[in-house]
Protein backbone atom coordinates (compact mmCIF):
# COMPACT_ATOMS: atom_id res chain seq x y z
CA MET A 1 -343.73 8.50 -99.67
CA GLY A 2 -346.19 5.78 -100.63
CA VAL A 3 -349.68 5.50 -102.09
CA SER A 4 -352.38 7.67 -100.50
CA ASN A 5 -355.64 5.98 -99.55
CA SER A 6 -358.92 7.08 -101.15
CA TYR A 7 -362.51 6.03 -100.53
CA LEU A 8 -365.53 6.21 -102.82
CA SER A 9 -369.17 6.50 -101.89
CA ARG A 10 -371.78 4.38 -103.63
CA THR A 11 -372.59 7.29 -105.94
CA GLU A 12 -368.90 7.80 -106.77
CA VAL A 13 -368.46 4.10 -107.59
CA GLN A 14 -371.44 4.33 -109.96
CA GLN A 15 -369.95 7.42 -111.62
CA LEU A 16 -366.55 5.79 -112.00
CA LEU A 17 -368.03 2.67 -113.64
CA GLY A 18 -370.74 4.53 -115.58
CA VAL A 19 -373.65 2.56 -114.12
CA ASN A 20 -376.86 3.47 -112.32
CA PRO A 21 -377.88 2.03 -108.92
CA PHE A 22 -379.53 -0.98 -110.56
CA GLY A 23 -376.44 -1.53 -112.72
CA LEU A 24 -374.22 -1.57 -109.65
CA TRP A 25 -376.59 -4.04 -107.98
CA ARG A 26 -376.34 -6.30 -111.05
CA LEU A 27 -372.55 -6.26 -111.43
CA VAL A 28 -372.06 -7.00 -107.71
CA ARG A 29 -373.97 -10.22 -108.33
CA LYS A 30 -372.38 -10.89 -111.71
CA TYR A 31 -368.76 -10.60 -110.58
CA ASP A 32 -367.68 -12.58 -107.54
CA ASP A 33 -364.42 -10.63 -107.37
CA PHE A 34 -366.06 -7.19 -107.22
CA PRO A 35 -364.57 -5.36 -104.20
CA ARG A 36 -366.63 -5.36 -101.05
CA PRO A 37 -367.32 -2.08 -99.24
CA THR A 38 -365.11 -1.14 -96.32
CA GLU A 39 -365.77 0.97 -93.25
CA PRO A 40 -362.98 3.47 -92.50
CA PRO A 41 -363.31 5.60 -89.35
CA LYS A 42 -365.73 8.54 -89.29
CA GLU A 43 -367.62 7.49 -92.45
CA PRO A 44 -371.41 7.38 -91.83
CA GLU A 45 -372.16 5.26 -94.92
CA GLU A 46 -370.54 2.28 -96.58
CA VAL A 47 -367.65 3.19 -98.85
CA TRP A 48 -365.28 1.38 -101.19
CA ASP A 49 -361.51 1.49 -101.35
CA GLY A 50 -360.97 3.61 -104.47
CA PHE A 51 -357.85 1.77 -105.55
CA GLN A 52 -359.51 -1.65 -105.31
CA VAL A 53 -362.44 -0.57 -107.49
CA TYR A 54 -360.15 1.20 -109.98
CA ARG A 55 -357.86 -1.84 -110.25
CA TRP A 56 -360.82 -4.21 -110.60
CA ALA A 57 -362.17 -2.15 -113.46
CA ALA A 58 -358.79 -2.16 -115.26
CA HIS A 59 -358.63 -5.95 -115.05
CA THR A 60 -362.24 -6.53 -116.12
CA PRO A 61 -362.77 -6.33 -119.92
CA GLU A 62 -366.25 -4.81 -119.62
CA PHE A 63 -364.91 -1.89 -117.58
CA ALA A 64 -361.22 -1.76 -118.58
CA HIS A 65 -361.71 1.58 -120.35
CA ARG A 66 -362.81 3.04 -117.00
CA GLY A 67 -360.05 1.48 -114.91
CA ALA A 68 -356.59 2.66 -113.97
CA VAL A 69 -354.76 3.63 -117.16
CA LEU A 70 -351.46 1.92 -116.36
CA LEU A 71 -353.11 -1.23 -114.99
CA ARG A 72 -355.05 -1.98 -118.16
CA PRO A 73 -353.65 -4.61 -120.54
CA LEU A 74 -351.05 -2.96 -122.77
CA PRO A 75 -351.88 -2.91 -126.49
CA GLU A 76 -350.00 -5.45 -128.60
CA ASP A 77 -347.14 -4.03 -130.68
CA VAL A 78 -347.51 -0.70 -128.93
CA ALA A 79 -345.94 2.14 -130.92
CA PRO A 80 -342.96 3.76 -129.15
CA GLY A 81 -343.69 7.06 -127.49
CA ARG A 82 -341.94 10.38 -127.94
CA TRP A 83 -340.22 12.58 -125.38
CA ALA A 84 -342.06 15.90 -125.01
CA GLY A 85 -339.77 17.95 -122.79
CA TYR A 86 -340.30 19.17 -119.25
CA LYS A 87 -343.17 20.94 -117.53
CA ASP A 88 -343.05 22.80 -114.23
CA THR A 89 -345.75 21.59 -111.82
CA VAL A 90 -346.97 22.38 -108.33
CA ARG A 91 -344.59 19.66 -107.07
CA GLY A 92 -341.52 20.44 -109.16
CA PRO A 93 -340.43 19.91 -112.77
CA ALA A 94 -341.74 16.86 -114.60
CA LEU A 95 -340.83 15.10 -117.84
CA ASP A 96 -343.50 14.30 -120.43
CA TRP A 97 -343.80 11.45 -122.92
CA HIS A 98 -346.42 11.25 -125.66
CA THR A 99 -347.53 7.60 -125.74
CA ALA A 100 -350.22 5.40 -127.21
CA LEU A 101 -352.26 5.92 -124.02
CA GLY A 102 -351.86 9.70 -124.00
CA THR A 103 -349.21 11.85 -122.37
CA ILE A 104 -347.50 10.37 -119.32
CA ARG A 105 -346.06 12.97 -116.94
CA LEU A 106 -343.29 11.77 -114.60
CA VAL A 107 -342.49 13.85 -111.50
CA HIS A 108 -339.19 13.00 -109.83
CA CYS A 109 -340.34 13.38 -106.25
CA ASP A 110 -341.23 10.74 -103.64
CA ASP A 111 -343.28 12.85 -101.23
CA ARG A 112 -346.84 11.82 -100.47
CA ARG A 113 -349.71 12.81 -102.78
CA VAL A 114 -347.41 14.13 -105.51
CA ALA A 115 -349.19 12.19 -108.26
CA THR A 116 -352.61 13.29 -107.00
CA ASP A 117 -351.60 16.93 -106.60
CA VAL A 118 -350.13 17.20 -110.09
CA ALA A 119 -352.97 15.28 -111.74
CA THR A 120 -355.48 17.52 -109.95
CA GLU A 121 -353.63 20.63 -111.16
CA VAL A 122 -353.61 19.34 -114.74
CA ALA A 123 -357.31 18.50 -114.68
CA GLY A 124 -358.15 21.85 -113.11
CA ARG A 125 -356.46 23.69 -115.97
CA GLY A 126 -358.41 21.80 -118.63
CA ASN A 127 -355.54 19.41 -119.44
CA PRO A 128 -354.16 21.30 -122.47
CA ASP A 129 -351.27 18.80 -122.89
CA GLY A 130 -353.51 15.74 -122.98
CA VAL A 131 -351.97 14.17 -119.91
CA ALA A 132 -353.55 10.77 -119.23
CA VAL A 133 -351.61 9.84 -116.12
CA VAL A 134 -349.13 11.41 -113.72
CA CYS A 135 -346.43 9.24 -112.16
CA ALA A 136 -344.28 10.05 -109.14
CA LEU A 137 -341.59 8.12 -107.32
CA TYR A 138 -342.62 5.71 -104.57
CA GLY A 139 -339.17 5.86 -102.92
CA ASP A 140 -338.40 2.16 -103.34
CA MET A 141 -337.28 -0.35 -105.95
CA SER A 142 -339.61 -2.65 -107.88
CA PHE A 143 -338.88 -5.53 -110.25
CA HIS A 144 -338.27 -3.43 -113.37
CA GLY A 145 -336.89 -0.22 -111.92
CA PRO A 146 -337.87 2.41 -109.37
CA ALA A 147 -341.35 1.92 -107.91
CA LEU A 148 -343.95 4.42 -109.09
CA VAL A 149 -347.17 5.95 -107.79
CA ALA A 150 -349.68 6.92 -110.47
CA ALA A 151 -352.81 9.08 -110.59
CA ASP A 152 -354.94 9.45 -113.72
CA THR A 153 -356.21 12.89 -114.64
CA ALA A 154 -359.68 11.34 -115.04
CA HIS A 155 -359.67 10.41 -111.33
CA PRO A 156 -356.76 12.28 -109.71
CA GLY A 157 -357.81 11.38 -106.17
CA ILE A 158 -357.16 7.65 -106.70
CA GLU A 159 -353.50 6.68 -106.50
CA TYR A 160 -352.10 3.28 -107.45
CA GLU A 161 -348.75 1.61 -107.97
CA ALA A 162 -347.44 1.49 -111.53
CA ASP A 163 -344.60 -0.45 -113.14
CA TRP A 164 -341.54 1.48 -114.34
CA GLY A 165 -341.03 -1.10 -117.07
CA ASP A 166 -344.55 -0.54 -118.43
CA VAL A 167 -344.03 3.22 -118.55
CA ALA A 168 -340.65 2.75 -120.26
CA ALA A 169 -342.27 0.41 -122.82
CA LEU A 170 -344.92 3.02 -123.59
CA ALA A 171 -342.28 5.77 -123.78
CA GLY A 172 -340.17 3.60 -126.08
CA GLN A 173 -336.95 4.37 -124.21
CA ASP A 174 -335.15 4.00 -120.90
CA LEU A 175 -336.34 6.54 -118.36
CA PRO A 176 -334.02 8.92 -116.48
CA TRP A 177 -333.54 8.68 -112.73
CA TRP A 178 -331.82 11.05 -110.32
CA PRO A 179 -330.55 10.08 -106.86
CA ASP A 180 -332.52 11.75 -104.08
CA LEU A 181 -329.88 14.38 -103.27
CA LEU A 182 -329.47 15.38 -106.92
CA ARG A 183 -333.14 15.80 -107.82
CA LEU A 184 -332.43 19.44 -108.50
CA PRO A 185 -334.89 21.37 -110.69
CA HIS A 186 -332.25 22.78 -113.01
CA LEU A 187 -330.81 19.30 -113.66
CA ILE A 188 -334.22 17.80 -114.41
CA ARG A 189 -335.16 20.66 -116.73
CA ALA A 190 -331.88 20.32 -118.68
CA TRP A 191 -332.15 16.57 -119.32
CA GLU A 192 -332.62 15.22 -122.84
CA PRO A 193 -332.69 11.64 -124.14
CA GLY A 194 -329.19 10.39 -124.87
CA ALA A 195 -327.51 12.96 -122.61
CA PRO A 196 -324.64 11.60 -120.47
CA ALA A 197 -324.97 11.64 -116.71
CA VAL A 198 -324.28 15.10 -115.33
CA VAL A 199 -321.58 15.42 -112.67
CA ALA A 200 -323.12 17.65 -110.00
CA GLU A 201 -322.19 18.86 -106.55
CA VAL A 202 -324.36 17.45 -103.78
CA PRO A 203 -325.89 20.51 -102.09
CA ALA A 204 -325.20 21.09 -98.41
CA ASN A 205 -328.10 20.40 -96.04
CA ASP A 206 -329.06 22.70 -93.17
CA ASN A 207 -326.87 20.84 -90.67
CA GLU A 208 -323.77 21.22 -92.80
CA LYS A 209 -324.53 24.90 -93.41
CA THR A 210 -324.90 25.43 -89.66
CA LEU A 211 -321.51 23.87 -88.94
CA ARG A 212 -319.77 25.71 -91.79
CA ARG A 213 -321.16 28.94 -90.35
CA VAL A 214 -319.46 28.12 -87.04
CA VAL A 215 -316.19 27.48 -88.86
CA GLY A 216 -316.36 30.93 -90.41
CA ASN A 217 -317.16 32.67 -87.11
CA ASP A 218 -314.18 34.23 -85.32
CA ALA A 219 -316.14 34.18 -82.05
CA PHE A 220 -315.04 30.56 -81.59
CA ASP A 221 -311.56 29.21 -80.96
CA VAL A 222 -309.56 26.91 -83.20
CA THR A 223 -310.65 23.71 -81.42
CA SER A 224 -314.32 24.58 -81.94
CA HIS A 225 -313.57 25.30 -85.60
CA LEU A 226 -311.91 21.89 -85.88
CA ALA A 227 -314.84 20.14 -84.20
CA ALA A 228 -317.40 21.81 -86.46
CA THR A 229 -315.30 21.16 -89.56
CA ASP A 230 -314.92 17.49 -88.70
CA MET A 231 -318.67 16.97 -88.32
CA ALA A 232 -319.49 19.06 -91.41
CA ASN A 233 -317.04 17.00 -93.47
CA ASP A 234 -318.57 13.80 -92.13
CA ILE A 235 -322.04 15.00 -93.17
CA ARG A 236 -320.79 15.84 -96.67
CA ASN A 237 -319.04 12.47 -97.01
CA ASN A 238 -322.20 10.68 -95.93
CA ARG A 239 -324.35 12.59 -98.43
CA ILE A 240 -322.02 11.88 -101.34
CA ASP A 241 -321.85 8.21 -100.33
CA ALA A 242 -325.66 8.13 -100.17
CA ALA A 243 -325.94 9.49 -103.73
CA LEU A 244 -323.39 6.97 -104.99
CA HIS A 245 -325.25 4.17 -103.23
CA ASP A 246 -328.60 5.28 -104.67
CA ASN A 247 -327.17 5.19 -108.19
CA GLU A 248 -325.69 1.76 -107.56
CA ILE A 249 -329.01 0.37 -106.30
CA PHE A 250 -331.35 1.95 -108.83
CA GLY A 251 -329.00 1.64 -111.80
CA LYS A 252 -328.11 -2.00 -111.28
CA GLU A 253 -329.13 -4.81 -113.57
CA GLY A 254 -332.70 -6.04 -113.19
CA HIS A 255 -334.05 -9.39 -112.11
CA GLY A 256 -333.18 -12.28 -114.38
CA GLU A 257 -331.81 -11.53 -117.83
CA ARG A 258 -333.82 -8.38 -118.41
CA ARG A 259 -332.03 -5.09 -117.79
CA ASN A 260 -333.88 -2.40 -115.91
CA PRO A 261 -334.79 0.42 -118.36
CA VAL A 262 -333.12 3.06 -116.17
CA VAL A 263 -330.76 5.86 -117.21
CA ILE A 264 -328.76 7.40 -114.37
CA ALA A 265 -329.11 11.10 -115.09
CA ALA A 266 -326.68 12.57 -112.53
CA VAL A 267 -323.70 11.44 -110.45
CA PRO A 268 -322.20 13.26 -107.46
CA ASP A 269 -318.98 15.19 -107.86
CA THR A 270 -316.33 13.17 -106.01
CA GLY A 271 -313.36 15.36 -106.92
CA HIS A 272 -312.48 15.99 -103.25
CA HIS A 273 -314.21 12.98 -101.75
CA PRO A 274 -313.83 11.94 -99.02
CA LEU A 275 -313.08 15.02 -96.96
CA ARG A 276 -311.00 14.54 -93.84
CA SER A 277 -313.03 13.65 -90.75
CA ASP A 278 -312.79 11.48 -87.63
CA GLY A 279 -310.02 13.60 -86.14
CA ASP A 280 -308.37 13.33 -82.73
CA ARG A 281 -311.15 12.61 -80.26
CA GLN A 282 -309.71 14.71 -77.42
CA VAL A 283 -309.46 17.73 -79.70
CA LEU A 284 -313.01 17.22 -80.96
CA GLU A 285 -314.40 16.85 -77.43
CA ALA A 286 -312.58 20.03 -76.34
CA GLY A 287 -314.04 21.89 -79.31
CA TRP A 288 -317.59 20.77 -78.53
CA LEU A 289 -317.11 21.67 -74.87
CA GLY A 290 -316.18 25.18 -75.94
CA LEU A 291 -319.32 25.41 -78.07
CA ALA A 292 -321.48 24.03 -75.25
CA LEU A 293 -320.25 26.77 -72.91
CA SER A 294 -320.68 29.54 -75.49
CA THR A 295 -323.52 32.05 -75.47
CA HIS A 296 -323.46 32.63 -79.25
CA PRO A 297 -326.59 31.64 -81.27
CA ASP A 298 -324.42 29.79 -83.80
CA ALA A 299 -323.16 27.59 -80.95
CA VAL A 300 -326.75 26.70 -80.03
CA ALA A 301 -327.46 25.60 -83.60
CA ALA A 302 -324.24 23.57 -83.73
CA ILE A 303 -324.96 21.80 -80.44
CA GLU A 304 -328.44 20.90 -81.70
CA VAL A 305 -326.81 19.27 -84.74
CA ALA A 306 -324.34 17.35 -82.56
CA VAL A 307 -327.08 16.14 -80.16
CA GLY A 308 -328.91 14.55 -83.06
CA ARG A 309 -325.86 13.28 -84.92
CA GLN A 310 -323.00 12.39 -82.57
CA PRO A 311 -323.96 13.05 -78.95
CA ASP A 312 -321.07 10.97 -77.62
CA LEU A 313 -318.72 13.86 -78.51
CA LEU A 314 -320.61 16.20 -76.19
CA PRO A 315 -319.65 16.67 -72.51
CA PHE A 316 -322.96 15.44 -71.09
CA GLY A 317 -325.09 12.31 -70.87
CA ALA A 318 -328.77 11.48 -71.02
CA LEU A 319 -331.47 14.13 -70.69
CA THR A 320 -333.24 13.63 -67.35
CA GLU A 321 -336.30 15.13 -65.65
CA VAL A 322 -337.09 15.00 -61.93
CA PRO A 323 -340.01 16.77 -60.21
CA VAL A 324 -339.20 19.58 -57.80
CA ARG A 325 -340.37 18.06 -54.52
CA PRO A 326 -339.61 19.30 -50.98
CA GLY A 327 -337.89 16.66 -48.88
CA ALA A 328 -336.88 14.52 -51.87
CA ILE A 329 -333.27 13.48 -52.44
CA SER A 330 -333.13 15.86 -55.39
CA GLU A 331 -333.69 18.82 -53.04
CA ARG A 332 -330.36 18.10 -51.34
CA TRP A 333 -328.66 18.04 -54.75
CA ALA A 334 -330.40 21.25 -55.84
CA ARG A 335 -329.02 23.19 -52.87
CA ARG A 336 -325.52 23.03 -54.33
CA LEU A 337 -326.54 24.25 -57.80
CA THR A 338 -325.27 27.69 -58.77
CA MET A 339 -327.47 30.04 -60.78
CA CYS A 340 -325.95 31.22 -64.06
CA ASP A 341 -326.66 32.83 -67.40
CA PRO A 342 -327.78 30.33 -70.05
CA THR A 343 -325.19 28.74 -72.33
CA ALA A 344 -325.70 26.94 -75.61
CA ALA A 345 -326.00 23.70 -73.63
CA HIS A 346 -328.83 25.19 -71.54
CA VAL A 347 -330.75 26.35 -74.62
CA VAL A 348 -330.50 22.94 -76.28
CA LEU A 349 -331.41 21.26 -72.98
CA ALA A 350 -334.59 23.35 -72.78
CA GLN A 351 -335.79 22.07 -76.19
CA GLY A 352 -338.19 24.95 -76.51
CA LYS A 353 -339.60 24.67 -72.99
CA LYS A 354 -339.91 27.85 -70.95
CA ALA A 355 -337.17 27.90 -68.33
CA GLU A 356 -337.70 29.62 -64.97
CA ALA A 357 -333.99 29.67 -64.08
CA PHE A 358 -330.65 28.28 -65.25
CA PHE A 359 -328.07 26.53 -63.09
CA LEU A 360 -324.77 24.69 -63.16
CA ASP A 361 -323.78 21.74 -61.01
CA PRO A 362 -320.37 22.88 -59.69
CA LEU A 363 -319.13 19.32 -59.08
CA THR A 364 -319.95 17.83 -62.49
CA ASP A 365 -320.32 20.99 -64.65
CA MET A 366 -323.68 19.69 -65.89
CA PRO A 367 -326.22 22.29 -67.10
CA VAL A 368 -329.51 22.33 -65.18
CA LEU A 369 -332.71 24.32 -65.56
CA ARG A 370 -335.99 24.58 -63.72
CA THR A 371 -339.12 24.42 -65.82
CA VAL A 372 -342.70 23.17 -65.59
CA ALA A 373 -344.29 19.95 -66.82
CA ASP A 374 -346.57 20.18 -69.85
CA HIS A 375 -349.28 17.95 -68.40
CA ASP A 376 -349.78 19.43 -64.91
CA GLY A 377 -347.78 22.68 -64.74
CA LYS A 378 -345.71 21.47 -61.78
CA GLN A 379 -342.06 22.40 -61.50
CA LEU A 380 -339.37 20.09 -62.88
CA TRP A 381 -335.62 19.86 -62.71
CA ARG A 382 -334.34 19.22 -66.22
CA PHE A 383 -330.67 18.33 -66.62
CA TYR A 384 -328.10 16.25 -68.42
CA ALA A 385 -326.73 13.29 -66.52
CA PRO A 386 -322.95 13.41 -66.08
CA LEU A 387 -320.80 11.05 -68.10
CA SER A 388 -318.76 10.23 -64.98
CA LEU A 389 -318.54 11.33 -61.34
CA PRO A 390 -315.77 13.16 -59.49
CA ALA A 391 -314.37 10.42 -57.26
CA GLY A 392 -311.13 11.23 -55.49
CA ASP A 393 -310.70 8.58 -52.81
CA ALA A 394 -314.45 8.16 -52.26
CA GLU A 395 -316.58 5.14 -53.03
CA LEU A 396 -320.26 4.52 -53.69
CA ALA A 397 -322.12 4.52 -50.36
CA SER A 398 -325.69 3.96 -51.54
CA VAL A 399 -328.12 4.37 -54.39
CA VAL A 400 -331.41 6.27 -54.06
CA LEU A 401 -334.22 5.66 -56.55
CA HIS A 402 -336.10 8.89 -57.23
CA HIS A 403 -337.23 9.32 -60.87
CA THR A 404 -333.68 8.35 -61.83
CA VAL A 405 -330.77 6.72 -60.03
CA TRP A 406 -328.93 8.90 -57.49
CA VAL A 407 -325.54 8.05 -56.00
CA THR A 408 -324.42 8.99 -52.50
CA THR A 409 -320.68 8.82 -51.82
CA SER A 410 -318.57 8.02 -48.79
CA ASP A 411 -317.29 11.62 -48.67
CA GLY A 412 -320.81 13.00 -48.30
CA HIS A 413 -321.68 14.03 -51.85
CA LEU A 414 -324.78 13.27 -53.91
CA HIS A 415 -324.95 12.98 -57.71
CA PRO A 416 -327.31 11.89 -60.44
CA ALA A 417 -325.81 8.62 -61.64
CA PRO A 418 -323.71 8.86 -64.80
CA CYS A 419 -325.28 7.71 -68.05
CA THR A 420 -324.46 7.66 -71.75
CA PRO A 421 -326.32 10.15 -74.00
CA SER A 422 -328.45 7.52 -75.73
CA GLU A 423 -329.65 5.51 -72.70
CA HIS A 424 -331.67 6.16 -69.54
CA LEU A 425 -331.64 4.76 -66.01
CA TRP A 426 -334.81 3.24 -64.55
CA TRP A 427 -336.05 0.48 -62.32
CA GLY A 428 -339.19 -1.59 -61.80
CA ASN A 429 -341.19 -3.90 -64.00
CA GLY A 430 -340.44 -3.04 -67.61
CA TYR A 431 -343.13 -5.37 -69.02
CA GLY A 432 -340.51 -7.84 -70.21
CA ASP A 433 -337.62 -5.37 -70.42
CA ARG A 434 -335.26 -5.32 -67.44
CA PRO A 435 -333.33 -2.35 -66.00
CA SER A 436 -329.94 -3.69 -67.00
CA GLU A 437 -328.65 -0.19 -67.85
CA ALA A 438 -328.96 0.94 -64.22
CA ALA A 439 -327.52 -2.38 -63.03
CA THR A 440 -324.51 -1.94 -65.32
CA VAL A 441 -323.81 1.57 -64.02
CA ILE A 442 -324.14 0.56 -60.37
CA ASN A 443 -321.96 -2.50 -60.88
CA LEU A 444 -319.22 -0.30 -62.38
CA LEU A 445 -319.42 2.37 -59.67
CA LEU A 446 -319.22 -0.19 -56.88
CA ASP A 447 -315.70 -0.92 -58.08
CA ASP A 448 -314.66 2.53 -59.31
CA LEU A 449 -316.73 5.61 -58.45
CA GLY A 450 -315.02 7.68 -61.17
CA ALA A 451 -315.44 5.19 -64.00
CA THR A 452 -317.19 6.17 -67.24
CA PRO A 453 -320.05 3.78 -68.07
CA ASN A 454 -320.22 2.02 -71.40
CA LEU A 455 -323.71 0.65 -71.96
CA ARG A 456 -323.24 -1.05 -75.32
CA GLU A 457 -323.54 -4.47 -73.63
CA HIS A 458 -325.75 -3.58 -70.68
CA TRP A 459 -327.61 -6.88 -70.99
CA ASN A 460 -324.53 -8.54 -69.47
CA ALA A 461 -325.10 -6.76 -66.14
CA PRO A 462 -324.95 -8.99 -63.02
CA LYS A 463 -328.23 -10.88 -62.89
CA GLY A 464 -328.62 -10.35 -59.16
CA LEU A 465 -328.36 -6.55 -59.48
CA THR A 466 -330.75 -6.55 -62.41
CA ALA A 467 -333.24 -8.64 -60.42
CA LEU A 468 -332.99 -6.24 -57.44
CA LEU A 469 -333.70 -3.24 -59.68
CA ASN A 470 -336.50 -5.07 -61.44
CA GLU A 471 -338.53 -4.88 -58.22
CA ASP A 472 -341.09 -2.08 -57.96
CA HIS A 473 -339.30 0.04 -55.37
CA LYS A 474 -341.10 3.12 -54.09
CA GLN A 475 -339.81 6.56 -55.01
CA GLY A 476 -337.07 7.52 -52.58
CA THR A 477 -336.00 3.95 -51.80
CA GLU A 478 -332.35 3.80 -50.68
CA LEU A 479 -330.24 0.73 -51.43
CA THR A 480 -327.06 0.60 -49.33
CA ARG A 481 -323.68 -0.47 -50.58
CA SER A 482 -323.92 -3.74 -48.68
CA THR A 483 -327.34 -4.44 -50.19
CA LEU A 484 -326.01 -3.81 -53.67
CA LEU A 485 -322.90 -5.94 -53.15
CA HIS A 486 -325.00 -8.79 -51.78
CA ALA A 487 -327.37 -8.60 -54.75
CA ARG A 488 -324.45 -8.60 -57.17
CA MET A 489 -323.18 -11.86 -55.69
CA THR A 490 -326.59 -13.53 -55.39
CA PRO A 491 -328.07 -15.35 -58.38
CA PRO A 492 -331.76 -14.45 -58.87
CA ARG A 493 -334.28 -17.01 -57.74
CA THR A 494 -335.84 -19.16 -60.41
CA ARG A 495 -339.59 -19.56 -60.39
């Protein structure tokens, strides 16, 4: 998405403008607005921004015929163009219009370098269709319709922004536009001027396909089927809503009294929209727990989708890493871990890292694995923080700071502190950011060891606790219950 940068050497600038070295020397002195050379990294000689030179030429009468085609002044009383059908290109099907400036080829794709790639292909084949300029989508809205990126076949390596309204004026008709999710090759190839918008099904993405595959797999129970169905339906609803929203934005009236020359070419099929989603939370959580404990490859793929889309439905909190270190507080915790075969949760936890062994914390049911750090090859504990702690009649006895926050309890247990999936627990100077997440969790556990933290408003943590955790404590520092309670009651000192 966007316009790709290009740079021209002195020789290339001369070739573009059709001048010799002396001619370039003269026009630099003749035109005060001639672009100055720039110095991008790794270039041994002075170079010019290709777009700046190409735009300058288009706006300068002496060199307009050598400038960007769609930035030159449009001819007065320009004759309307003629639609010339579609052409398949290296970046998908395109629509052609024969215009007064030559054939304009429009590719309905907003990836980077699309205009350059297609213009280069056309030029390399001898340009049998007389294409003057290739346009592609920029991925945004401009004043007269969707924003465009253009590349002329004469200089395909130089991209520039073009105006949809100018292209429509040259074509002599409103131009078709497809929402992102309905830019399907067969729809673009079938379009003709005057055709009504096609009603088309929004194709499923990989995440929806993964979840539908789980639904069709008898290896999983009914609750897992319900959980996967709910999330798959939510994905489909979101994609249809996105297509509807795109059409609303890009098909709306233009600025002022002038209507944008845009024809919506396709609309999503809403015959069964919206599908049912947002079911009973307890049922959904039970279904995702079943998938997390499964050893089936489809469960791994489904958990990966859920981690990226709705991690709060999963039975574990934030991903945490702690070095394996003899004598550290984590060693005491590790002694209670039980070795096990990997589950889907373990595989997703690994995130492609090589695991030496897989474990389960028997008190919190959190998956744990032992791996090695990428930067130094030393062993690491990698685990999900629990969402809450088993409490019983116990209370928080102390907190130990060792690469995360650890909680010791009055009944002799030790746990990684609970945390939500999207946050992390830390302490020390955050260069302006304060460890209010850890302060919020500790404040909650001081009153109820089994409480489930909610960190949506962590900035409201007690200021005294936040100030205590903002200090640069050494690894392994233990803060007793009395210390924490005192800090909670004590306003921080003002400087």
